[in-house]
PDB file of all heavy atoms in Angstrom:
ATOM      1  N   GLN A   1     -13.146 -12.608  -3.280  1.00  0.00           N
ATOM      2  CA  GLN A   1     -12.491 -11.934  -2.193  1.00  0.00           C
ATOM      3  C   GLN A   1     -11.066 -11.603  -2.587  1.00  0.00           C
ATOM      4  O   GLN A   1     -10.396 -12.399  -3.248  1.00  0.00           O
ATOM      5  CB  GLN A   1     -12.475 -12.811  -0.923  1.00  0.00           C
ATOM      6  CG  GLN A   1     -12.030 -12.056   0.304  1.00  0.00           C
ATOM      7  CD  GLN A   1     -13.027 -11.060   0.809  1.00  0.00           C
ATOM      8  OE1 GLN A   1     -14.168 -10.972   0.338  1.00  0.00           O
ATOM      9  NE2 GLN A   1     -12.595 -10.196   1.716  1.00  0.00           N
ATOM     10  N   VAL A   2     -10.585 -10.443  -2.195  1.00  0.00           N
ATOM     11  CA  VAL A   2      -9.244 -10.032  -2.524  1.00  0.00           C
ATOM     12  C   VAL A   2      -8.545  -9.677  -1.189  1.00  0.00           C
ATOM     13  O   VAL A   2      -9.072  -8.952  -0.370  1.00  0.00           O
ATOM     14  CB  VAL A   2      -9.200  -8.804  -3.421  1.00  0.00           C
ATOM     15  CG1 VAL A   2      -7.807  -8.314  -3.665  1.00  0.00           C
ATOM     16  CG2 VAL A   2      -9.969  -9.109  -4.731  1.00  0.00           C
ATOM     17  N   GLN A   3      -7.318 -10.200  -1.020  1.00  0.00           N
ATOM     18  CA  GLN A   3      -6.492  -9.812   0.094  1.00  0.00           C
ATOM     19  C   GLN A   3      -5.406  -8.845  -0.389  1.00  0.00           C
ATOM     20  O   GLN A   3      -4.768  -9.146  -1.409  1.00  0.00           O
ATOM     21  CB  GLN A   3      -5.841 -11.026   0.760  1.00  0.00           C
ATOM     22  CG  GLN A   3      -6.740 -11.776   1.706  1.00  0.00           C
ATOM     23  CD  GLN A   3      -7.671 -12.719   0.947  1.00  0.00           C
ATOM     24  OE1 GLN A   3      -7.308 -13.411   0.043  1.00  0.00           O
ATOM     25  NE2 GLN A   3      -8.965 -12.685   1.332  1.00  0.00           N
ATOM     26  N   LEU A   4      -5.273  -7.787   0.344  1.00  0.00           N
ATOM     27  CA  LEU A   4      -4.229  -6.787   0.037  1.00  0.00           C
ATOM     28  C   LEU A   4      -3.206  -6.806   1.148  1.00  0.00           C
ATOM     29  O   LEU A   4      -3.605  -6.814   2.338  1.00  0.00           O
ATOM     30  CB  LEU A   4      -4.832  -5.387  -0.122  1.00  0.00           C
ATOM     31  CG  LEU A   4      -5.940  -5.214  -1.168  1.00  0.00           C
ATOM     32  CD1 LEU A   4      -6.470  -3.815  -1.150  1.00  0.00           C
ATOM     33  CD2 LEU A   4      -5.408  -5.548  -2.529  1.00  0.00           C
ATOM     34  N   VAL A   5      -1.950  -6.766   0.807  1.00  0.00           N
ATOM     35  CA  VAL A   5      -0.860  -6.804   1.803  1.00  0.00           C
ATOM     36  C   VAL A   5       0.099  -5.657   1.556  1.00  0.00           C
ATOM     37  O   VAL A   5       0.717  -5.594   0.455  1.00  0.00           O
ATOM     38  CB  VAL A   5      -0.130  -8.143   1.776  1.00  0.00           C
ATOM     39  CG1 VAL A   5       0.977  -8.111   2.803  1.00  0.00           C
ATOM     40  CG2 VAL A   5      -1.090  -9.285   2.009  1.00  0.00           C
ATOM     41  N   GLU A   6       0.200  -4.763   2.531  1.00  0.00           N
ATOM     42  CA  GLU A   6       1.141  -3.659   2.434  1.00  0.00           C
ATOM     43  C   GLU A   6       2.455  -4.040   3.024  1.00  0.00           C
ATOM     44  O   GLU A   6       2.532  -4.876   3.905  1.00  0.00           O
ATOM     45  CB  GLU A   6       0.605  -2.420   3.179  1.00  0.00           C
ATOM     46  CG  GLU A   6      -0.744  -1.942   2.740  1.00  0.00           C
ATOM     47  CD  GLU A   6      -1.856  -2.469   3.626  1.00  0.00           C
ATOM     48  OE1 GLU A   6      -1.701  -3.535   4.254  1.00  0.00           O
ATOM     49  OE2 GLU A   6      -2.942  -1.846   3.661  1.00  0.00           O
ATOM     50  N   SER A   7       3.512  -3.368   2.532  1.00  0.00           N
ATOM     51  CA  SER A   7       4.832  -3.545   3.053  1.00  0.00           C
ATOM     52  C   SER A   7       5.619  -2.236   2.833  1.00  0.00           C
ATOM     53  O   SER A   7       5.166  -1.398   2.071  1.00  0.00           O
ATOM     54  CB  SER A   7       5.536  -4.712   2.439  1.00  0.00           C
ATOM     55  OG  SER A   7       5.709  -4.499   1.084  1.00  0.00           O
ATOM     56  N   GLY A   8       6.757  -2.112   3.533  1.00  0.00           N
ATOM     57  CA  GLY A   8       7.621  -0.966   3.314  1.00  0.00           C
ATOM     58  C   GLY A   8       7.557   0.116   4.350  1.00  0.00           C
ATOM     59  O   GLY A   8       8.328   1.048   4.308  1.00  0.00           O
ATOM     60  N   GLY A   9       6.681  -0.039   5.351  1.00  0.00           N
ATOM     61  CA  GLY A   9       6.647   0.928   6.407  1.00  0.00           C
ATOM     62  C   GLY A   9       7.859   0.833   7.305  1.00  0.00           C
ATOM     63  O   GLY A   9       8.674  -0.092   7.185  1.00  0.00           O
ATOM     64  N   GLY A  10       7.988   1.786   8.223  1.00  0.00           N
ATOM     65  CA  GLY A  10       9.108   1.713   9.149  1.00  0.00           C
ATOM     66  C   GLY A  10       9.300   3.048   9.801  1.00  0.00           C
ATOM     67  O   GLY A  10       8.452   3.936   9.817  1.00  0.00           O
ATOM     68  N   LEU A  11      10.470   3.161  10.446  1.00  0.00           N
ATOM     69  CA  LEU A  11      10.887   4.350  11.175  1.00  0.00           C
ATOM     70  C   LEU A  11      11.873   5.128  10.356  1.00  0.00           C
ATOM     71  O   LEU A  11      12.817   4.553   9.838  1.00  0.00           O
ATOM     72  CB  LEU A  11      11.485   3.940  12.521  1.00  0.00           C
ATOM     73  CG  LEU A  11      11.900   4.977  13.501  1.00  0.00           C
ATOM     74  CD1 LEU A  11      10.646   5.682  14.064  1.00  0.00           C
ATOM     75  CD2 LEU A  11      12.704   4.381  14.637  1.00  0.00           C
ATOM     76  N   VAL A  12      11.652   6.429  10.215  1.00  0.00           N
ATOM     77  CA  VAL A  12      12.534   7.228   9.361  1.00  0.00           C
ATOM     78  C   VAL A  12      12.635   8.638   9.988  1.00  0.00           C
ATOM     79  O   VAL A  12      11.739   9.132  10.657  1.00  0.00           O
ATOM     80  CB  VAL A  12      11.935   7.304   7.904  1.00  0.00           C
ATOM     81  CG1 VAL A  12      10.641   8.023   7.870  1.00  0.00           C
ATOM     82  CG2 VAL A  12      13.002   7.951   6.974  1.00  0.00           C
ATOM     83  N   GLN A  13      13.758   9.280   9.751  1.00  0.00           N
ATOM     84  CA  GLN A  13      13.975  10.652  10.237  1.00  0.00           C
ATOM     85  C   GLN A  13      13.226  11.642   9.331  1.00  0.00           C
ATOM     86  O   GLN A  13      13.038  11.324   8.099  1.00  0.00           O
ATOM     87  CB  GLN A  13      15.464  10.978  10.208  1.00  0.00           C
ATOM     88  CG  GLN A  13      16.322  10.178  11.161  1.00  0.00           C
ATOM     89  CD  GLN A  13      16.100  10.546  12.588  1.00  0.00           C
ATOM     90  OE1 GLN A  13      15.702  11.673  12.919  1.00  0.00           O
ATOM     91  NE2 GLN A  13      16.330   9.599  13.535  1.00  0.00           N
ATOM     92  N   ALA A  14      12.868  12.741   9.899  1.00  0.00           N
ATOM     93  CA  ALA A  14      12.217  13.768   9.059  1.00  0.00           C
ATOM     94  C   ALA A  14      13.127  14.125   7.908  1.00  0.00           C
ATOM     95  O   ALA A  14      14.377  14.266   8.076  1.00  0.00           O
ATOM     96  CB  ALA A  14      11.911  14.958   9.950  1.00  0.00           C
ATOM     97  N   GLY A  15      12.500  14.307   6.723  1.00  0.00           N
ATOM     98  CA  GLY A  15      13.260  14.602   5.531  1.00  0.00           C
ATOM     99  C   GLY A  15      13.606  13.336   4.749  1.00  0.00           C
ATOM    100  O   GLY A  15      14.075  13.420   3.589  1.00  0.00           O
ATOM    101  N   GLY A  16      13.440  12.192   5.318  1.00  0.00           N
ATOM    102  CA  GLY A  16      13.785  10.953   4.709  1.00  0.00           C
ATOM    103  C   GLY A  16      12.695  10.460   3.764  1.00  0.00           C
ATOM    104  O   GLY A  16      11.674  11.146   3.514  1.00  0.00           O
ATOM    105  N   SER A  17      12.891   9.244   3.226  1.00  0.00           N
ATOM    106  CA  SER A  17      12.002   8.666   2.227  1.00  0.00           C
ATOM    107  C   SER A  17      11.643   7.248   2.594  1.00  0.00           C
ATOM    108  O   SER A  17      12.438   6.556   3.232  1.00  0.00           O
ATOM    109  CB  SER A  17      12.591   8.682   0.841  1.00  0.00           C
ATOM    110  OG  SER A  17      12.878  10.012   0.382  1.00  0.00           O
ATOM    111  N   LEU A  18      10.468   6.807   2.148  1.00  0.00           N
ATOM    112  CA  LEU A  18      10.025   5.455   2.220  1.00  0.00           C
ATOM    113  C   LEU A  18       9.221   5.105   0.973  1.00  0.00           C
ATOM    114  O   LEU A  18       8.587   5.986   0.392  1.00  0.00           O
ATOM    115  CB  LEU A  18       9.167   5.199   3.472  1.00  0.00           C
ATOM    116  CG  LEU A  18       9.815   5.091   4.845  1.00  0.00           C
ATOM    117  CD1 LEU A  18       8.788   4.999   5.935  1.00  0.00           C
ATOM    118  CD2 LEU A  18      10.770   3.913   4.926  1.00  0.00           C
ATOM    119  N   ARG A  19       9.226   3.886   0.628  1.00  0.00           N
ATOM    120  CA  ARG A  19       8.384   3.423  -0.482  1.00  0.00           C
ATOM    121  C   ARG A  19       7.511   2.261   0.001  1.00  0.00           C
ATOM    122  O   ARG A  19       8.001   1.215   0.414  1.00  0.00           O
ATOM    123  CB  ARG A  19       9.246   2.917  -1.651  1.00  0.00           C
ATOM    124  CG  ARG A  19       8.455   2.585  -2.899  1.00  0.00           C
ATOM    125  CD  ARG A  19       9.280   1.837  -3.890  1.00  0.00           C
ATOM    126  NE  ARG A  19       8.703   1.830  -5.239  1.00  0.00           N
ATOM    127  CZ  ARG A  19       8.972   0.876  -6.172  1.00  0.00           C
ATOM    128  NH1 ARG A  19       9.802  -0.071  -5.868  1.00  0.00           N
ATOM    129  NH2 ARG A  19       8.419   0.975  -7.345  1.00  0.00           N
ATOM    130  N   LEU A  20       6.214   2.492   0.007  1.00  0.00           N
ATOM    131  CA  LEU A  20       5.257   1.469   0.349  1.00  0.00           C
ATOM    132  C   LEU A  20       4.842   0.677  -0.877  1.00  0.00           C
ATOM    133  O   LEU A  20       4.724   1.235  -2.005  1.00  0.00           O
ATOM    134  CB  LEU A  20       4.004   2.106   0.980  1.00  0.00           C
ATOM    135  CG  LEU A  20       4.229   3.043   2.215  1.00  0.00           C
ATOM    136  CD1 LEU A  20       2.920   3.488   2.764  1.00  0.00           C
ATOM    137  CD2 LEU A  20       5.069   2.361   3.255  1.00  0.00           C
ATOM    138  N   SER A  21       4.561  -0.587  -0.638  1.00  0.00           N
ATOM    139  CA  SER A  21       4.101  -1.480  -1.692  1.00  0.00           C
ATOM    140  C   SER A  21       2.818  -2.154  -1.249  1.00  0.00           C
ATOM    141  O   SER A  21       2.637  -2.443  -0.048  1.00  0.00           O
ATOM    142  CB  SER A  21       5.141  -2.560  -2.059  1.00  0.00           C
ATOM    143  OG  SER A  21       6.296  -1.971  -2.515  1.00  0.00           O
ATOM    144  N   CYS A  22       1.975  -2.484  -2.175  1.00  0.00           N
ATOM    145  CA  CYS A  22       0.727  -3.199  -1.865  1.00  0.00           C
ATOM    146  C   CYS A  22       0.626  -4.274  -2.907  1.00  0.00           C
ATOM    147  O   CYS A  22       0.523  -3.998  -4.137  1.00  0.00           O
ATOM    148  CB  CYS A  22      -0.446  -2.232  -1.944  1.00  0.00           C
ATOM    149  SG  CYS A  22      -2.044  -3.034  -1.712  1.00  0.00           S
ATOM    150  N   ALA A  23       0.513  -5.523  -2.438  1.00  0.00           N
ATOM    151  CA  ALA A  23       0.353  -6.662  -3.321  1.00  0.00           C
ATOM    152  C   ALA A  23      -1.102  -7.211  -3.136  1.00  0.00           C
ATOM    153  O   ALA A  23      -1.699  -7.105  -2.044  1.00  0.00           O
ATOM    154  CB  ALA A  23       1.333  -7.762  -2.977  1.00  0.00           C
ATOM    155  N   ALA A  24      -1.620  -7.748  -4.179  1.00  0.00           N
ATOM    156  CA  ALA A  24      -2.971  -8.371  -4.168  1.00  0.00           C
ATOM    157  C   ALA A  24      -2.882  -9.862  -4.318  1.00  0.00           C
ATOM    158  O   ALA A  24      -1.999 -10.390  -4.994  1.00  0.00           O
ATOM    159  CB  ALA A  24      -3.845  -7.787  -5.264  1.00  0.00           C
ATOM    160  N   SER A  25      -3.867 -10.558  -3.707  1.00  0.00           N
ATOM    161  CA  SER A  25      -3.833 -12.022  -3.739  1.00  0.00           C
ATOM    162  C   SER A  25      -4.280 -12.622  -5.073  1.00  0.00           C
ATOM    163  O   SER A  25      -4.022 -13.786  -5.347  1.00  0.00           O
ATOM    164  CB  SER A  25      -4.744 -12.551  -2.632  1.00  0.00           C
ATOM    165  OG  SER A  25      -6.073 -12.112  -2.826  1.00  0.00           O
ATOM    166  N   ARG A  26      -4.919 -11.772  -5.900  1.00  0.00           N
ATOM    167  CA  ARG A  26      -5.299 -12.285  -7.219  1.00  0.00           C
ATOM    168  C   ARG A  26      -5.367 -11.103  -8.158  1.00  0.00           C
ATOM    169  O   ARG A  26      -5.329  -9.965  -7.748  1.00  0.00           O
ATOM    170  CB  ARG A  26      -6.635 -13.013  -7.145  1.00  0.00           C
ATOM    171  CG  ARG A  26      -7.809 -12.175  -6.743  1.00  0.00           C
ATOM    172  CD  ARG A  26      -9.113 -12.939  -6.923  1.00  0.00           C
ATOM    173  NE  ARG A  26     -10.299 -12.179  -6.522  1.00  0.00           N
ATOM    174  CZ  ARG A  26     -10.871 -11.257  -7.325  1.00  0.00           C
ATOM    175  NH1 ARG A  26     -10.423 -11.006  -8.508  1.00  0.00           N
ATOM    176  NH2 ARG A  26     -11.955 -10.654  -6.921  1.00  0.00           N
ATOM    177  N   VAL A  27      -5.469 -11.448  -9.420  1.00  0.00           N
ATOM    178  CA  VAL A  27      -5.592 -10.401 -10.419  1.00  0.00           C
ATOM    179  C   VAL A  27      -6.967  -9.704 -10.287  1.00  0.00           C
ATOM    180  O   VAL A  27      -7.960 -10.401 -10.115  1.00  0.00           O
ATOM    181  CB  VAL A  27      -5.468 -10.951 -11.849  1.00  0.00           C
ATOM    182  CG1 VAL A  27      -5.694  -9.870 -12.910  1.00  0.00           C
ATOM    183  CG2 VAL A  27      -4.021 -11.556 -12.044  1.00  0.00           C
ATOM    184  N   ILE A  28      -6.940  -8.407 -10.382  1.00  0.00           N
ATOM    185  CA  ILE A  28      -8.186  -7.635 -10.355  1.00  0.00           C
ATOM    186  C   ILE A  28      -8.348  -7.073 -11.800  1.00  0.00           C
ATOM    187  O   ILE A  28      -7.546  -6.255 -12.198  1.00  0.00           O
ATOM    188  CB  ILE A  28      -8.102  -6.484  -9.322  1.00  0.00           C
ATOM    189  CG1 ILE A  28      -7.954  -7.100  -7.923  1.00  0.00           C
ATOM    190  CG2 ILE A  28      -9.360  -5.658  -9.399  1.00  0.00           C
ATOM    191  CD1 ILE A  28      -7.744  -6.058  -6.847  1.00  0.00           C
ATOM    192  N   PHE A  29      -9.356  -7.536 -12.439  1.00  0.00           N
ATOM    193  CA  PHE A  29      -9.507  -7.183 -13.838  1.00  0.00           C
ATOM    194  C   PHE A  29     -10.059  -5.774 -14.072  1.00  0.00           C
ATOM    195  O   PHE A  29      -9.768  -5.163 -15.051  1.00  0.00           O
ATOM    196  CB  PHE A  29     -10.409  -8.208 -14.523  1.00  0.00           C
ATOM    197  CG  PHE A  29      -9.772  -9.587 -14.605  1.00  0.00           C
ATOM    198  CD1 PHE A  29     -10.089 -10.603 -13.740  1.00  0.00           C
ATOM    199  CD2 PHE A  29      -8.812  -9.828 -15.590  1.00  0.00           C
ATOM    200  CE1 PHE A  29      -9.501 -11.841 -13.830  1.00  0.00           C
ATOM    201  CE2 PHE A  29      -8.191 -11.080 -15.698  1.00  0.00           C
ATOM    202  CZ  PHE A  29      -8.547 -12.082 -14.806  1.00  0.00           C
ATOM    203  N   SER A  30     -10.822  -5.333 -13.138  1.00  0.00           N
ATOM    204  CA  SER A  30     -11.337  -3.946 -13.267  1.00  0.00           C
ATOM    205  C   SER A  30     -11.523  -3.331 -11.899  1.00  0.00           C
ATOM    206  O   SER A  30     -11.796  -4.016 -10.921  1.00  0.00           O
ATOM    207  CB  SER A  30     -12.670  -3.941 -14.029  1.00  0.00           C
ATOM    208  OG  SER A  30     -13.686  -4.614 -13.271  1.00  0.00           O
ATOM    209  N   PHE A  31     -11.335  -2.056 -11.822  1.00  0.00           N
ATOM    210  CA  PHE A  31     -11.492  -1.362 -10.546  1.00  0.00           C
ATOM    211  C   PHE A  31     -11.969   0.050 -10.819  1.00  0.00           C
ATOM    212  O   PHE A  31     -11.871   0.596 -11.909  1.00  0.00           O
ATOM    213  CB  PHE A  31     -10.146  -1.352  -9.825  1.00  0.00           C
ATOM    214  CG  PHE A  31      -9.088  -0.529 -10.536  1.00  0.00           C
ATOM    215  CD1 PHE A  31      -8.849   0.780 -10.173  1.00  0.00           C
ATOM    216  CD2 PHE A  31      -8.337  -1.064 -11.553  1.00  0.00           C
ATOM    217  CE1 PHE A  31      -7.885   1.538 -10.819  1.00  0.00           C
ATOM    218  CE2 PHE A  31      -7.411  -0.365 -12.202  1.00  0.00           C
ATOM    219  CZ  PHE A  31      -7.142   0.939 -11.881  1.00  0.00           C
ATOM    220  N   ASN A  32     -12.493   0.657  -9.795  1.00  0.00           N
ATOM    221  CA  ASN A  32     -12.892   2.068  -9.877  1.00  0.00           C
ATOM    222  C   ASN A  32     -11.713   2.954  -9.435  1.00  0.00           C
ATOM    223  O   ASN A  32     -11.363   3.921 -10.158  1.00  0.00           O
ATOM    224  CB  ASN A  32     -14.075   2.336  -8.996  1.00  0.00           C
ATOM    225  CG  ASN A  32     -15.328   1.583  -9.503  1.00  0.00           C
ATOM    226  OD1 ASN A  32     -15.484   1.391 -10.735  1.00  0.00           O
ATOM    227  ND2 ASN A  32     -16.159   1.148  -8.598  1.00  0.00           N
ATOM    228  N   THR A  33     -11.182   2.669  -8.275  1.00  0.00           N
ATOM    229  CA  THR A  33      -9.990   3.393  -7.808  1.00  0.00           C
ATOM    230  C   THR A  33      -9.070   2.463  -7.032  1.00  0.00           C
ATOM    231  O   THR A  33      -9.502   1.452  -6.484  1.00  0.00           O
ATOM    232  CB  THR A  33     -10.345   4.587  -6.864  1.00  0.00           C
ATOM    233  OG1 THR A  33     -11.005   4.077  -5.689  1.00  0.00           O
ATOM    234  CG2 THR A  33     -11.248   5.593  -7.544  1.00  0.00           C
ATOM    235  N   MET A  34      -7.787   2.798  -7.033  1.00  0.00           N
ATOM    236  CA  MET A  34      -6.799   2.100  -6.224  1.00  0.00           C
ATOM    237  C   MET A  34      -6.103   3.230  -5.488  1.00  0.00           C
ATOM    238  O   MET A  34      -5.742   4.260  -6.075  1.00  0.00           O
ATOM    239  CB  MET A  34      -5.781   1.333  -7.065  1.00  0.00           C
ATOM    240  CG  MET A  34      -6.430   0.294  -7.955  1.00  0.00           C
ATOM    241  SD  MET A  34      -5.244  -0.323  -9.180  1.00  0.00           S
ATOM    242  CE  MET A  34      -3.991  -0.995  -8.155  1.00  0.00           C
ATOM    243  N   GLY A  35      -5.880   3.050  -4.183  1.00  0.00           N
ATOM    244  CA  GLY A  35      -5.268   4.156  -3.452  1.00  0.00           C
ATOM    245  C   GLY A  35      -4.661   3.813  -2.142  1.00  0.00           C
ATOM    246  O   GLY A  35      -4.644   2.658  -1.684  1.00  0.00           O
ATOM    247  N   TRP A  36      -4.110   4.830  -1.542  1.00  0.00           N
ATOM    248  CA  TRP A  36      -3.549   4.773  -0.215  1.00  0.00           C
ATOM    249  C   TRP A  36      -4.268   5.727   0.728  1.00  0.00           C
ATOM    250  O   TRP A  36      -4.554   6.901   0.326  1.00  0.00           O
ATOM    251  CB  TRP A  36      -2.071   5.154  -0.280  1.00  0.00           C
ATOM    252  CG  TRP A  36      -1.204   4.155  -0.963  1.00  0.00           C
ATOM    253  CD1 TRP A  36      -0.848   4.134  -2.290  1.00  0.00           C
ATOM    254  CD2 TRP A  36      -0.606   3.015  -0.379  1.00  0.00           C
ATOM    255  NE1 TRP A  36      -0.079   3.080  -2.560  1.00  0.00           N
ATOM    256  CE2 TRP A  36       0.123   2.344  -1.401  1.00  0.00           C
ATOM    257  CE3 TRP A  36      -0.581   2.420   0.906  1.00  0.00           C
ATOM    258  CZ2 TRP A  36       0.828   1.163  -1.195  1.00  0.00           C
ATOM    259  CZ3 TRP A  36       0.149   1.313   1.096  1.00  0.00           C
ATOM    260  CH2 TRP A  36       0.833   0.672   0.079  1.00  0.00           C
ATOM    261  N   TYR A  37      -4.500   5.249   1.886  1.00  0.00           N
ATOM    262  CA  TYR A  37      -5.164   6.012   2.993  1.00  0.00           C
ATOM    263  C   TYR A  37      -4.260   5.930   4.198  1.00  0.00           C
ATOM    264  O   TYR A  37      -3.440   5.026   4.282  1.00  0.00           O
ATOM    265  CB  TYR A  37      -6.568   5.518   3.290  1.00  0.00           C
ATOM    266  CG  TYR A  37      -7.570   5.713   2.192  1.00  0.00           C
ATOM    267  CD1 TYR A  37      -7.498   4.983   1.025  1.00  0.00           C
ATOM    268  CD2 TYR A  37      -8.562   6.648   2.278  1.00  0.00           C
ATOM    269  CE1 TYR A  37      -8.433   5.145  -0.002  1.00  0.00           C
ATOM    270  CE2 TYR A  37      -9.490   6.866   1.290  1.00  0.00           C
ATOM    271  CZ  TYR A  37      -9.440   6.083   0.149  1.00  0.00           C
ATOM    272  OH  TYR A  37     -10.349   6.271  -0.885  1.00  0.00           O
ATOM    273  N   ARG A  38      -4.494   6.807   5.145  1.00  0.00           N
ATOM    274  CA  ARG A  38      -3.723   6.758   6.388  1.00  0.00           C
ATOM    275  C   ARG A  38      -4.586   7.147   7.543  1.00  0.00           C
ATOM    276  O   ARG A  38      -5.576   7.917   7.389  1.00  0.00           O
ATOM    277  CB  ARG A  38      -2.453   7.601   6.314  1.00  0.00           C
ATOM    278  CG  ARG A  38      -2.683   9.093   6.296  1.00  0.00           C
ATOM    279  CD  ARG A  38      -1.395   9.834   6.081  1.00  0.00           C
ATOM    280  NE  ARG A  38      -1.610  11.305   6.059  1.00  0.00           N
ATOM    281  CZ  ARG A  38      -0.666  12.151   5.764  1.00  0.00           C
ATOM    282  NH1 ARG A  38       0.595  11.727   5.461  1.00  0.00           N
ATOM    283  NH2 ARG A  38      -0.923  13.470   5.790  1.00  0.00           N
ATOM    284  N   GLN A  39      -4.189   6.639   8.704  1.00  0.00           N
ATOM    285  CA  GLN A  39      -4.889   6.939   9.946  1.00  0.00           C
ATOM    286  C   GLN A  39      -3.914   7.177  11.085  1.00  0.00           C
ATOM    287  O   GLN A  39      -3.156   6.232  11.410  1.00  0.00           O
ATOM    288  CB  GLN A  39      -5.898   5.864  10.336  1.00  0.00           C
ATOM    289  CG  GLN A  39      -6.828   6.230  11.472  1.00  0.00           C
ATOM    290  CD  GLN A  39      -7.973   5.297  11.638  1.00  0.00           C
ATOM    291  OE1 GLN A  39      -7.962   4.171  11.105  1.00  0.00           O
ATOM    292  NE2 GLN A  39      -9.000   5.731  12.328  1.00  0.00           N
ATOM    293  N   ALA A  40      -3.920   8.380  11.599  1.00  0.00           N
ATOM    294  CA  ALA A  40      -3.048   8.678  12.718  1.00  0.00           C
ATOM    295  C   ALA A  40      -3.815   8.479  14.005  1.00  0.00           C
ATOM    296  O   ALA A  40      -5.100   8.493  13.969  1.00  0.00           O
ATOM    297  CB  ALA A  40      -2.575  10.156  12.591  1.00  0.00           C
TER     298      ALA A  40
END
């Protein structure tokens, strides 16, 4: 089992920037894809 934890979100004005980070609870030796999704 792998736990993923995102950070870096927040409130920002239009035109601004944010950097999101995702940490994993353990090393993942192989993967098919790693990515970011969103849901409004």
